[in-house]
N, C-alpha and C. Protein backbone atom coordinates (compact mmCIF):
# COMPACT_ATOMS: atom_id res chain seq x y z
N MET A 1 97.77 99.64 100.98
CA MET A 1 98.53 98.55 100.40
C MET A 1 99.29 98.56 99.98
N LYS A 2 100.87 97.77 100.68
CA LYS A 2 101.54 97.32 100.06
C LYS A 2 102.16 97.06 98.74
N GLY A 3 102.73 96.72 98.24
CA GLY A 3 103.00 96.07 96.65
C GLY A 3 104.07 96.68 96.09
N THR A 4 104.14 96.37 94.59
CA THR A 4 104.92 96.81 93.27
C THR A 4 104.15 96.74 92.23
N GLN A 5 104.93 97.35 90.96
CA GLN A 5 104.60 97.60 89.88
C GLN A 5 105.36 96.62 89.55
N ARG A 6 104.75 95.45 88.63
CA ARG A 6 105.65 94.36 87.64
C ARG A 6 105.21 94.87 86.36
N ARG A 7 106.68 94.52 85.68
CA ARG A 7 106.20 94.65 84.19
C ARG A 7 106.35 92.96 83.43
N LEU A 8 105.31 92.97 83.06
CA LEU A 8 104.60 91.50 82.34
C LEU A 8 104.79 91.61 80.91
N VAL A 9 104.70 90.45 80.62
CA VAL A 9 104.34 90.11 78.67
C VAL A 9 103.26 88.95 78.98
N CYS A 10 101.87 89.23 78.52
CA CYS A 10 101.04 88.40 77.92
C CYS A 10 101.48 87.28 77.25
N PRO A 11 101.15 86.14 77.75
CA PRO A 11 101.56 84.66 77.10
C PRO A 11 100.50 84.77 75.69
N GLN A 12 99.44 85.17 75.28
CA GLN A 12 98.65 85.28 74.58
C GLN A 12 98.91 85.84 73.10
N CYS A 13 99.46 87.37 73.21
CA CYS A 13 99.59 88.75 72.19
C CYS A 13 100.92 89.19 72.11
N GLY A 14 101.74 88.62 73.40
CA GLY A 14 103.06 89.55 73.66
C GLY A 14 103.20 90.59 73.63
N LYS A 15 102.36 91.43 74.22
CA LYS A 15 102.89 92.52 73.77
C LYS A 15 102.81 93.02 76.14
N VAL A 16 103.84 93.56 76.32
CA VAL A 16 103.98 94.48 77.17
C VAL A 16 103.36 95.06 77.62
N PHE A 17 102.99 95.43 79.30
CA PHE A 17 102.25 96.02 80.13
C PHE A 17 103.07 95.96 81.36
N PHE A 18 102.59 97.04 82.61
CA PHE A 18 102.86 96.82 83.90
C PHE A 18 101.46 96.70 84.40
N ALA A 19 101.66 96.19 85.96
CA ALA A 19 100.46 95.66 86.53
C ALA A 19 100.77 95.75 88.19
N TRP A 20 100.27 96.37 88.89
CA TRP A 20 100.20 95.96 90.10
C TRP A 20 100.12 94.43 90.52
N ARG A 21 100.94 94.85 91.71
CA ARG A 21 101.23 93.82 92.26
C ARG A 21 101.02 93.48 93.97
N PRO A 22 99.80 93.80 94.27
CA PRO A 22 99.93 93.45 95.77
C PRO A 22 100.70 92.41 96.27
N ASP A 23 101.07 92.22 98.14
CA ASP A 23 102.31 91.86 98.93
C ASP A 23 101.02 90.94 99.30
N ASP A 24 100.11 91.92 99.77
CA ASP A 24 99.21 90.84 100.47
C ASP A 24 98.06 89.14 100.34
N LEU A 25 97.88 89.62 98.09
CA LEU A 25 97.55 88.78 97.58
C LEU A 25 98.62 88.29 96.34
N PRO A 26 99.82 87.59 96.93
CA PRO A 26 100.94 87.19 95.83
C PRO A 26 99.88 86.24 94.38
N GLY A 27 98.77 85.13 95.04
CA GLY A 27 98.39 84.59 93.85
C GLY A 27 97.67 85.11 92.98
N ALA A 28 96.98 86.77 93.18
CA ALA A 28 96.27 86.96 92.47
C ALA A 28 96.40 86.89 90.67
N LYS A 29 94.77 86.81 90.25
CA LYS A 29 95.66 86.30 88.29
C LYS A 29 95.94 88.13 87.49
N VAL A 30 96.48 88.22 86.74
CA VAL A 30 96.57 89.32 85.78
C VAL A 30 95.85 89.41 84.83
N LYS A 31 94.91 90.53 84.40
CA LYS A 31 94.45 90.24 83.40
C LYS A 31 95.56 91.28 82.41
N CYS A 32 95.50 90.78 80.93
CA CYS A 32 96.19 92.02 79.99
C CYS A 32 95.15 93.01 79.46
N TYR A 33 95.80 94.12 79.61
CA TYR A 33 95.16 95.91 79.35
C TYR A 33 95.00 95.14 77.86
N PHE A 34 95.99 94.77 76.94
CA PHE A 34 95.58 94.62 75.17
C PHE A 34 94.14 93.43 74.53
N CYS A 35 94.27 92.45 75.72
CA CYS A 35 93.47 91.13 75.02
C CYS A 35 92.57 91.32 75.79
N GLY A 36 93.04 91.52 77.10
CA GLY A 36 91.79 90.87 78.15
C GLY A 36 91.76 89.29 78.65
N HIS A 37 93.80 88.56 78.08
CA HIS A 37 93.43 87.23 79.11
C HIS A 37 94.31 87.78 79.96
N GLN A 38 93.17 86.53 81.03
CA GLN A 38 94.01 86.26 82.14
C GLN A 38 94.68 85.50 82.51
N PHE A 39 95.75 85.40 82.95
CA PHE A 39 96.70 85.05 83.72
C PHE A 39 97.56 84.86 84.78
N GLU A 40 98.18 83.87 85.64
CA GLU A 40 99.37 83.84 86.22
C GLU A 40 100.45 84.73 85.88
N ASP A 41 101.12 85.12 87.02
CA ASP A 41 102.44 85.45 86.33
C ASP A 41 103.07 84.65 87.36
N ASP A 42 104.69 84.43 87.06
CA ASP A 42 105.65 83.61 88.05
C ASP A 42 105.13 83.98 89.29
N VAL A 43 105.03 85.07 89.85
CA VAL A 43 104.92 85.20 91.56
C VAL A 43 103.28 84.39 91.96
N ALA A 44 102.90 84.55 91.25
CA ALA A 44 101.24 84.01 91.65
C ALA A 44 101.56 82.18 91.74
N ARG A 45 102.64 81.89 90.61
CA ARG A 45 102.59 80.92 90.83
C ARG A 45 103.63 79.78 92.48
N ARG A 46 104.62 80.92 92.94
CA ARG A 46 105.55 80.79 93.88
C ARG A 46 103.84 80.59 94.98
N PRO A 47 104.63 79.42 95.85
CA PRO A 47 103.82 79.35 97.24
C PRO A 47 103.39 80.60 97.47
N PRO A 48 102.96 80.78 98.85
CA PRO A 48 102.70 81.53 99.54
C PRO A 48 103.42 81.55 100.65
N LEU A 49 104.62 82.65 100.98
CA LEU A 49 105.15 82.47 102.27
C LEU A 49 104.26 82.42 103.58
N PRO A 50 105.13 81.57 104.10
CA PRO A 50 104.41 81.41 105.56
C PRO A 50 103.97 82.39 107.19
N PRO A 51 102.91 81.79 107.68
CA PRO A 51 102.90 83.89 108.17
C PRO A 51 104.47 83.41 108.98
N PRO A 52 104.07 85.07 109.53
CA PRO A 52 105.30 85.07 110.62
C PRO A 52 105.23 84.41 112.02
N ALA A 53 106.31 83.70 112.43
CA ALA A 53 106.22 83.31 114.12
C ALA A 53 105.82 84.33 115.09
N PRO A 54 104.93 83.88 116.08
CA PRO A 54 103.80 85.20 116.81
C PRO A 54 105.55 85.20 117.57
N ALA A 55 105.39 86.50 118.48
CA ALA A 55 106.41 86.49 118.86
C ALA A 55 106.81 86.07 120.42
N PRO A 56 108.04 85.60 120.85
CA PRO A 56 108.11 84.90 122.19
C PRO A 56 107.27 86.32 123.36
N VAL A 57 106.85 85.33 124.37
CA VAL A 57 106.10 86.15 125.28
C VAL A 57 107.42 86.26 126.60
N SER A 58 107.28 86.67 126.89
CA SER A 58 108.24 86.83 128.61
C SER A 58 107.50 86.96 129.11
N VAL A 59 107.78 85.97 130.14
CA VAL A 59 106.70 86.14 131.90
C VAL A 59 107.78 86.71 132.27
N PRO A 60 107.28 88.02 133.62
CA PRO A 60 107.90 88.61 134.42
C PRO A 60 108.19 87.94 135.45
N ALA A 61 109.53 88.24 135.68
CA ALA A 61 109.26 87.39 137.38
C ALA A 61 108.91 87.18 137.96
N PRO A 62 108.50 86.38 139.22
CA PRO A 62 107.73 87.24 140.51
C PRO A 62 108.17 87.56 141.37
N GLU A 63 107.84 89.07 142.49
CA GLU A 63 109.00 89.77 142.87
C GLU A 63 108.75 88.76 144.11
N THR A 64 109.69 89.35 144.92
CA THR A 64 109.87 88.16 146.12
C THR A 64 109.92 89.12 147.12
N SER A 65 109.69 88.94 148.06
CA SER A 65 110.01 90.41 149.13
C SER A 65 110.19 89.31 150.29
N PRO A 66 111.24 90.03 151.39
CA PRO A 66 111.04 89.03 152.65
C PRO A 66 109.37 88.89 153.39
N ALA A 67 109.71 87.89 154.10
CA ALA A 67 108.53 87.51 154.47
C ALA A 67 108.09 88.57 156.18
N PRO A 68 107.30 89.01 156.46
CA PRO A 68 107.31 89.95 157.02
C PRO A 68 107.42 89.26 158.79
N ALA A 69 107.96 89.98 159.05
CA ALA A 69 108.86 89.56 160.77
C ALA A 69 107.28 89.39 161.46
N GLU A 70 107.74 88.03 162.03
CA GLU A 70 106.31 87.23 163.09
C GLU A 70 106.54 88.48 164.69
N PRO A 71 105.60 88.99 164.83
CA PRO A 71 105.78 89.54 166.59
C PRO A 71 106.43 88.84 167.23
N LYS A 72 107.29 89.07 168.33
CA LYS A 72 107.58 88.48 169.75
C LYS A 72 106.69 88.44 170.72
N PRO A 73 106.62 87.17 171.31
CA PRO A 73 105.73 87.06 172.45
C PRO A 73 106.00 87.99 173.08
N ASN A 74 105.44 88.96 174.13
CA ASN A 74 105.58 89.10 175.26
C ASN A 74 106.28 88.33 176.53
């Protein structure tokens, strides 16, 4: 799982602690290790990133081959 550890300050007790912030769930709430207060950090308040645009699909060009020669009448 991708993510980072962030230094956070609890708004209720004012103590500093570190919490893991996963990239997949940017809006997840954080729980203070000391007082148990659950809150959103500044990252959780940001709007989620839009999903990446799909890669353009390249359509292969049709193969052009010369038309078969018609047999000559005898």
